[in-house]
Amino acid sequence: MTVGVDDFKKAMQLWASGVTVVTTCSEKFGLQGMTVTAFSSVSINPPQVLVCINESADTGMGIQESQCFAVNVLSSTQQDVSNQFAGGSSQEQRFENTPWTKGITGAPILDNSIMSLECKVIEKIHASTHWIIIGEVQDSVCRSGKPLLYYQGAYQQLMIQP
């Protein structure tokens, strides 16, 4: 017997995570991006990361076609960007108000994120309602700032003790 959905959600809300926007660009679907908290490093050598994307998400289709994506870790000042890419607006609207640059893979790099990793898809695993997409990191950009965090259903900021 597995844990109930409500109990699982309650437990997972106790896991603080960074907030990312995963972006891609493909010929068929154009610019696409979505807010994602399910992101992790997989390996240092070779450098690999994974993201988990709902199988119904438009961005997943674009990643499938382009075979590349970028993970943009949002800064503590980018709650509006997270909300914009979380849904409720068209893909076009998401990018209109967010400065970005085309990366070496063609994936959009969000200019004000604290870190961006451009990845080439090396594996895609179907797990229930989601795709686990593993990417090999092709390029990285690091900027200054503190990360935006998500904890117990709300945005949080990192508190650094002196």
C-alpha atoms as a PDB file:
ATOM      1  CA  MET A   1       0.000   0.000   0.000  1.00  0.00           C
ATOM      2  CA  THR A   2       1.310   3.448  -0.902  1.00  0.00           C
ATOM      3  CA  VAL A   3       0.942   6.690   1.015  1.00  0.00           C
ATOM      4  CA  GLY A   4      -2.157   8.741   0.223  1.00  0.00           C
ATOM      5  CA  VAL A   5      -1.947  11.684  -2.165  1.00  0.00           C
ATOM      6  CA  ASP A   6      -2.731  14.279   0.520  1.00  0.00           C
ATOM      7  CA  ASP A   7      -0.159  12.848   2.927  1.00  0.00           C
ATOM      8  CA  PHE A   8       2.449  12.759   0.171  1.00  0.00           C
ATOM      9  CA  LYS A   9       1.766  16.394  -0.804  1.00  0.00           C
ATOM     10  CA  LYS A  10       2.003  17.440   2.853  1.00  0.00           C
ATOM     11  CA  ALA A  11       5.331  15.640   3.230  1.00  0.00           C
ATOM     12  CA  MET A  12       6.773  17.103   0.019  1.00  0.00           C
ATOM     13  CA  GLN A  13       5.862  20.635   1.118  1.00  0.00           C
ATOM     14  CA  LEU A  14       8.476  20.209   3.853  1.00  0.00           C
ATOM     15  CA  TRP A  15      11.186  19.924   1.198  1.00  0.00           C
ATOM     16  CA  ALA A  16      12.598  23.376   0.434  1.00  0.00           C
ATOM     17  CA  SER A  17      13.760  23.682  -3.148  1.00  0.00           C
ATOM     18  CA  GLY A  18      15.143  26.240  -5.516  1.00  0.00           C
ATOM     19  CA  VAL A  19      12.895  27.560  -8.260  1.00  0.00           C
ATOM     20  CA  THR A  20      13.901  27.127 -11.885  1.00  0.00           C
ATOM     21  CA  VAL A  21      12.483  27.984 -15.259  1.00  0.00           C
ATOM     22  CA  VAL A  22      13.204  25.312 -17.849  1.00  0.00           C
ATOM     23  CA  THR A  23      13.306  26.732 -21.374  1.00  0.00           C
ATOM     24  CA  THR A  24      13.671  25.416 -24.901  1.00  0.00           C
ATOM     25  CA  CYS A  25      13.204  26.527 -28.483  1.00  0.00           C
ATOM     26  CA  SER A  26      12.178  24.298 -31.364  1.00  0.00           C
ATOM     27  CA  GLU A  27      11.248  24.857 -34.971  1.00  0.00           C
ATOM     28  CA  LYS A  28       7.749  23.448 -34.524  1.00  0.00           C
ATOM     29  CA  PHE A  29       6.824  24.983 -31.148  1.00  0.00           C
ATOM     30  CA  GLY A  30       9.025  28.105 -30.922  1.00  0.00           C
ATOM     31  CA  LEU A  31      10.028  29.534 -27.537  1.00  0.00           C
ATOM     32  CA  GLN A  32       8.757  27.589 -24.545  1.00  0.00           C
ATOM     33  CA  GLY A  33       9.355  27.650 -20.817  1.00  0.00           C
ATOM     34  CA  MET A  34       7.852  26.551 -17.528  1.00  0.00           C
ATOM     35  CA  THR A  35       8.518  26.861 -13.809  1.00  0.00           C
ATOM     36  CA  VAL A  36      10.028  23.679 -12.374  1.00  0.00           C
ATOM     37  CA  THR A  37      11.112  22.798  -8.831  1.00  0.00           C
ATOM     38  CA  ALA A  38      12.018  19.174  -9.623  1.00  0.00           C
ATOM     39  CA  PHE A  39      15.648  19.692 -10.686  1.00  0.00           C
ATOM     40  CA  SER A  40      18.806  17.933  -9.551  1.00  0.00           C
ATOM     41  CA  SER A  41      22.382  17.235 -10.505  1.00  0.00           C
ATOM     42  CA  VAL A  42      22.991  13.649 -11.622  1.00  0.00           C
ATOM     43  CA  SER A  43      26.716  13.472 -12.282  1.00  0.00           C
ATOM     44  CA  ILE A  44      29.794  15.695 -12.197  1.00  0.00           C
ATOM     45  CA  ASN A  45      31.773  13.755 -14.804  1.00  0.00           C
ATOM     46  CA  PRO A  46      30.199  13.933 -17.279  1.00  0.00           C
ATOM     47  CA  PRO A  47      28.158  16.918 -16.058  1.00  0.00           C
ATOM     48  CA  GLN A  48      24.507  15.882 -16.071  1.00  0.00           C
ATOM     49  CA  VAL A  49      21.281  17.190 -14.558  1.00  0.00           C
ATOM     50  CA  LEU A  50      17.677  16.077 -14.535  1.00  0.00           C
ATOM     51  CA  VAL A  51      14.346  17.849 -14.604  1.00  0.00           C
ATOM     52  CA  CYS A  52      10.901  16.343 -14.098  1.00  0.00           C
ATOM     53  CA  ILE A  53       8.163  17.658 -16.367  1.00  0.00           C
ATOM     54  CA  ASN A  54       4.483  16.738 -16.436  1.00  0.00           C
ATOM     55  CA  GLU A  55       3.720  14.710 -19.551  1.00  0.00           C
ATOM     56  CA  SER A  56       0.944  17.173 -20.497  1.00  0.00           C
ATOM     57  CA  ALA A  57       3.254  20.231 -20.437  1.00  0.00           C
ATOM     58  CA  ASP A  58       3.814  22.044 -23.741  1.00  0.00           C
ATOM     59  CA  THR A  59       7.459  22.629 -22.876  1.00  0.00           C
ATOM     60  CA  GLY A  60       8.062  18.884 -22.773  1.00  0.00           C
ATOM     61  CA  MET A  61       7.003  18.587 -26.406  1.00  0.00           C
ATOM     62  CA  GLY A  62       9.437  21.325 -27.379  1.00  0.00           C
ATOM     63  CA  ILE A  63      12.272  19.619 -25.511  1.00  0.00           C
ATOM     64  CA  GLN A  64      11.417  16.364 -27.280  1.00  0.00           C
ATOM     65  CA  GLU A  65      11.666  18.080 -30.678  1.00  0.00           C
ATOM     66  CA  SER A  66      14.731  20.258 -30.032  1.00  0.00           C
ATOM     67  CA  GLN A  67      16.598  17.732 -27.859  1.00  0.00           C
ATOM     68  CA  CYS A  68      17.954  20.598 -25.757  1.00  0.00           C
ATOM     69  CA  PHE A  69      16.880  22.727 -22.815  1.00  0.00           C
ATOM     70  CA  ALA A  70      18.187  25.269 -20.325  1.00  0.00           C
ATOM     71  CA  VAL A  71      17.675  25.250 -16.575  1.00  0.00           C
ATOM     72  CA  ASN A  72      17.552  28.815 -15.234  1.00  0.00           C
ATOM     73  CA  VAL A  73      17.797  29.109 -11.431  1.00  0.00           C
ATOM     74  CA  LEU A  74      15.778  32.163 -10.392  1.00  0.00           C
ATOM     75  CA  SER A  75      17.033  34.856  -8.049  1.00  0.00           C
ATOM     76  CA  SER A  76      15.172  35.890  -4.911  1.00  0.00           C
ATOM     77  CA  THR A  77      13.871  38.942  -6.817  1.00  0.00           C
ATOM     78  CA  GLN A  78      12.206  36.887  -9.573  1.00  0.00           C
ATOM     79  CA  GLN A  79       8.935  35.730  -8.011  1.00  0.00           C
ATOM     80  CA  ASP A  80       7.085  37.445 -10.864  1.00  0.00           C
ATOM     81  CA  VAL A  81       9.081  35.444 -13.432  1.00  0.00           C
ATOM     82  CA  SER A  82       8.280  32.213 -11.607  1.00  0.00           C
ATOM     83  CA  ASN A  83       4.572  33.071 -11.563  1.00  0.00           C
ATOM     84  CA  GLN A  84       4.595  34.095 -15.225  1.00  0.00           C
ATOM     85  CA  PHE A  85       6.178  30.812 -16.336  1.00  0.00           C
ATOM     86  CA  ALA A  86       3.990  28.738 -13.969  1.00  0.00           C
ATOM     87  CA  GLY A  87       1.033  29.042 -16.320  1.00  0.00           C
ATOM     88  CA  GLY A  88      -1.955  31.201 -17.026  1.00  0.00           C
ATOM     89  CA  SER A  89      -0.234  33.036 -19.875  1.00  0.00           C
ATOM     90  CA  SER A  90       0.756  31.996 -23.364  1.00  0.00           C
ATOM     91  CA  GLN A  91       4.297  30.904 -24.151  1.00  0.00           C
ATOM     92  CA  GLU A  92       4.721  34.118 -26.144  1.00  0.00           C
ATOM     93  CA  GLN A  93       3.610  36.283 -23.187  1.00  0.00           C
ATOM     94  CA  ARG A  94       6.011  34.488 -20.844  1.00  0.00           C
ATOM     95  CA  PHE A  95       9.001  35.631 -22.875  1.00  0.00           C
ATOM     96  CA  GLU A  96       7.718  39.152 -23.735  1.00  0.00           C
ATOM     97  CA  ASN A  97       8.347  40.511 -20.238  1.00  0.00           C
ATOM     98  CA  THR A  98      11.456  38.480 -19.413  1.00  0.00           C
ATOM     99  CA  PRO A  99      14.871  39.473 -20.813  1.00  0.00           C
ATOM    100  CA  TRP A 100      16.605  36.496 -22.397  1.00  0.00           C
ATOM    101  CA  THR A 101      19.465  35.579 -24.696  1.00  0.00           C
ATOM    102  CA  LYS A 102      19.748  32.720 -27.161  1.00  0.00           C
ATOM    103  CA  GLY A 103      22.215  30.161 -25.793  1.00  0.00           C
ATOM    104  CA  ILE A 104      24.680  27.995 -27.700  1.00  0.00           C
ATOM    105  CA  THR A 105      22.109  25.179 -27.959  1.00  0.00           C
ATOM    106  CA  GLY A 106      19.387  27.578 -29.088  1.00  0.00           C
ATOM    107  CA  ALA A 107      17.612  27.369 -25.734  1.00  0.00           C
ATOM    108  CA  PRO A 108      16.649  30.708 -24.134  1.00  0.00           C
ATOM    109  CA  ILE A 109      18.853  31.811 -21.230  1.00  0.00           C
ATOM    110  CA  LEU A 110      17.013  34.096 -18.785  1.00  0.00           C
ATOM    111  CA  ASP A 111      19.299  37.099 -18.340  1.00  0.00           C
ATOM    112  CA  ASN A 112      18.551  37.809 -14.683  1.00  0.00           C
ATOM    113  CA  SER A 113      18.675  34.256 -13.338  1.00  0.00           C
ATOM    114  CA  ILE A 114      21.543  33.504 -10.952  1.00  0.00           C
ATOM    115  CA  MET A 115      22.586  30.425 -12.895  1.00  0.00           C
ATOM    116  CA  SER A 116      21.791  28.843 -16.248  1.00  0.00           C
ATOM    117  CA  LEU A 117      22.764  25.417 -17.536  1.00  0.00           C
ATOM    118  CA  GLU A 118      22.337  24.566 -21.204  1.00  0.00           C
ATOM    119  CA  CYS A 119      21.785  20.882 -21.783  1.00  0.00           C
ATOM    120  CA  LYS A 120      21.544  18.330 -24.551  1.00  0.00           C
ATOM    121  CA  VAL A 121      18.984  15.583 -23.867  1.00  0.00           C
ATOM    122  CA  ILE A 122      20.656  12.211 -23.337  1.00  0.00           C
ATOM    123  CA  GLU A 123      17.793  10.243 -21.799  1.00  0.00           C
ATOM    124  CA  LYS A 124      14.068  10.544 -21.199  1.00  0.00           C
ATOM    125  CA  ILE A 125      12.303   8.248 -18.733  1.00  0.00           C
ATOM    126  CA  HIS A 126       8.523   8.041 -18.335  1.00  0.00           C
ATOM    127  CA  ALA A 127       7.447   7.823 -14.672  1.00  0.00           C
ATOM    128  CA  SER A 128       3.699   7.864 -14.033  1.00  0.00           C
ATOM    129  CA  THR A 129       2.462  11.379 -14.955  1.00  0.00           C
ATOM    130  CA  HIS A 130       5.909  12.855 -15.594  1.00  0.00           C
ATOM    131  CA  TRP A 131       8.968  12.657 -17.800  1.00  0.00           C
ATOM    132  CA  ILE A 132      12.368  12.561 -16.152  1.00  0.00           C
ATOM    133  CA  ILE A 133      14.640  14.287 -18.639  1.00  0.00           C
ATOM    134  CA  ILE A 134      18.382  13.863 -18.195  1.00  0.00           C
ATOM    135  CA  GLY A 135      20.611  16.362 -19.936  1.00  0.00           C
ATOM    136  CA  GLU A 136      24.336  16.646 -20.419  1.00  0.00           C
ATOM    137  CA  VAL A 137      25.442  20.182 -19.586  1.00  0.00           C
ATOM    138  CA  GLN A 138      26.923  21.951 -22.615  1.00  0.00           C
ATOM    139  CA  ASP A 139      27.439  25.397 -21.086  1.00  0.00           C
ATOM    140  CA  SER A 140      26.922  27.226 -17.799  1.00  0.00           C
ATOM    141  CA  VAL A 141      26.495  30.840 -16.777  1.00  0.00           C
ATOM    142  CA  CYS A 142      26.769  31.965 -13.138  1.00  0.00           C
ATOM    143  CA  ARG A 143      25.738  35.394 -11.846  1.00  0.00           C
ATOM    144  CA  SER A 144      25.593  36.957  -8.403  1.00  0.00           C
ATOM    145  CA  GLY A 145      22.520  36.885  -6.219  1.00  0.00           C
ATOM    146  CA  LYS A 146      20.568  34.693  -3.837  1.00  0.00           C
ATOM    147  CA  PRO A 147      18.216  31.942  -5.030  1.00  0.00           C
ATOM    148  CA  LEU A 148      14.447  32.028  -4.891  1.00  0.00           C
ATOM    149  CA  LEU A 149      13.203  29.171  -2.702  1.00  0.00           C
ATOM    150  CA  TYR A 150       9.862  27.371  -2.483  1.00  0.00           C
ATOM    151  CA  TYR A 151       8.743  25.891   0.841  1.00  0.00           C
ATOM    152  CA  GLN A 152       5.319  24.916   2.215  1.00  0.00           C
ATOM    153  CA  GLY A 153       3.533  26.260  -0.843  1.00  0.00           C
ATOM    154  CA  ALA A 154       5.111  29.723  -0.722  1.00  0.00           C
ATOM    155  CA  TYR A 155       8.185  31.570  -1.920  1.00  0.00           C
ATOM    156  CA  GLN A 156      10.976  31.998   0.591  1.00  0.00           C
ATOM    157  CA  GLN A 157      14.356  33.695   0.679  1.00  0.00           C
ATOM    158  CA  LEU A 158      17.652  32.331   1.866  1.00  0.00           C
ATOM    159  CA  MET A 159      18.717  33.676   5.242  1.00  0.00           C
ATOM    160  CA  ILE A 160      22.489  33.879   5.535  1.00  0.00           C
ATOM    161  CA  GLN A 161      23.822  34.044   9.074  1.00  0.00           C
ATOM    162  CA  PRO A 162      26.813  36.354   9.684  1.00  0.00           C
END
